[in-house]
Amino acid sequence: MASTASGLRAHADRPVVDPAQDAFRFLPYADAFALLINDAETATPLTVAISGPWGSGKTSLARLLESRLKVEQYWRLGWDAAPVTCWFNAWMHSDAPHLGAALAASVTRTVSGQRPWYWRLLSPLPSVMLSPEARAWRRIWIGVVFASLALVGYMLMLWLFPELEPKSGKLGELFGHWQVLTVYAAAPAVIAFFRKAYKVSDSVGTFVDAPRSAAAQGTLAEVREQLGRIMRQAQRCWRGKAKRRVVIFVDDLERCPADKALDVCEVVSLLLGHDDVVTVIVADLDLLESAATARYRPAQADAATSGEYSSIGEEYLHKLIQLRFNLPPLRRDDIATALSIRSAGA
């Protein structure tokens, strides 16, 4: 709270998005990360972590970074377009049966929307990954395809049995324009054929719907390959060279149940680690290390030997995260400045 002439004013815990309101002086960090991520020489896949306790400004830095990634002077470092950015708030999806599958579905939907129109038309996502509105449109599309096939079949019947044409009334008169009608009717069927041939594998939908079952069936490699194909299409790859990168932000991970948070880390490593893809994990890594230690410490470890396994969590995250940045403590004068800025903007 902040004191005002009329009493006390409460401030919501909202992240900083506008660089003009960067009272915590995070912009130099955001600029440095933007240069690193957009640098074509930076090896990928890359997982970056912004770590700090609750209220330290992690999300503010991540939001500033997201805005700086779109600044032309940064993405012009070897790219033809600004990166595709995806934002996944893990806490908002914590009720999902498998948080890692929710992340994969969210990222795939966002990235898929950035593919060229012809890939979105010819290589659709599985229905289980679509929003209710998109599923409704797909049902309409399926109805159009069946109606077109029925019309083509009707034209074929009149061609084989011309004596039926006089008995068909108005429908029989359409046969006089059979060439045009057949082309128009066959087009949705041809498109449907290519959509069936090039659609994203059902293994991706199976993973989203039942990730444990997909893992047991050994289809994770296929899921990874299919997600990589979607990424390459969104990156507008030409002759193996991407025209832009994909940057995925995963926020509020430490506020989720420990097992689900670790599932997300594994999905980032197993399924989203592709060329020119950068994942930014925004979380208190100390809490994630504790969760990993609790999961992977041998069950027979007792109080006397538990110290031997105290670094398991740290080693686990080191394998998944290539660059960790610990936010410095906020200074009192910066906090006061931030409160004054928000009070003035209220």
Foldseek 3Di string as FASTA:
>chain_A
DDADPVGDDDDDPDAAQDPVLPLQPLLVVLLVVLLQLLAPPNFFPAEEEEADDPPQRLVNSVNSNVVNQQPCVRNVNQFDHRAQEFEAELVVVLVDPASQLVQLLRQLVSLLVLFPPVCCQLAPEPLLSDDPVVNVVVVVLVVLLVVLVVLLVVLVVCVVPVVCLVVPPPSSVCNVVVVVSNVVSCVSVVSVVSNVVRYQDCLSVCCSVPVVVSVVVVCLVSLLVSSQVSQQRSQVDDPNDGNYAYEYEYEPLLVHPLVNSVSNLVSCQRRVGDTRYYYYYYYNLVSNLVSQLVVPPDPPDDPVRSVVSSCVSVVVVVVRHVHYDYRDGGDPVSVVSSVVVVVVVD
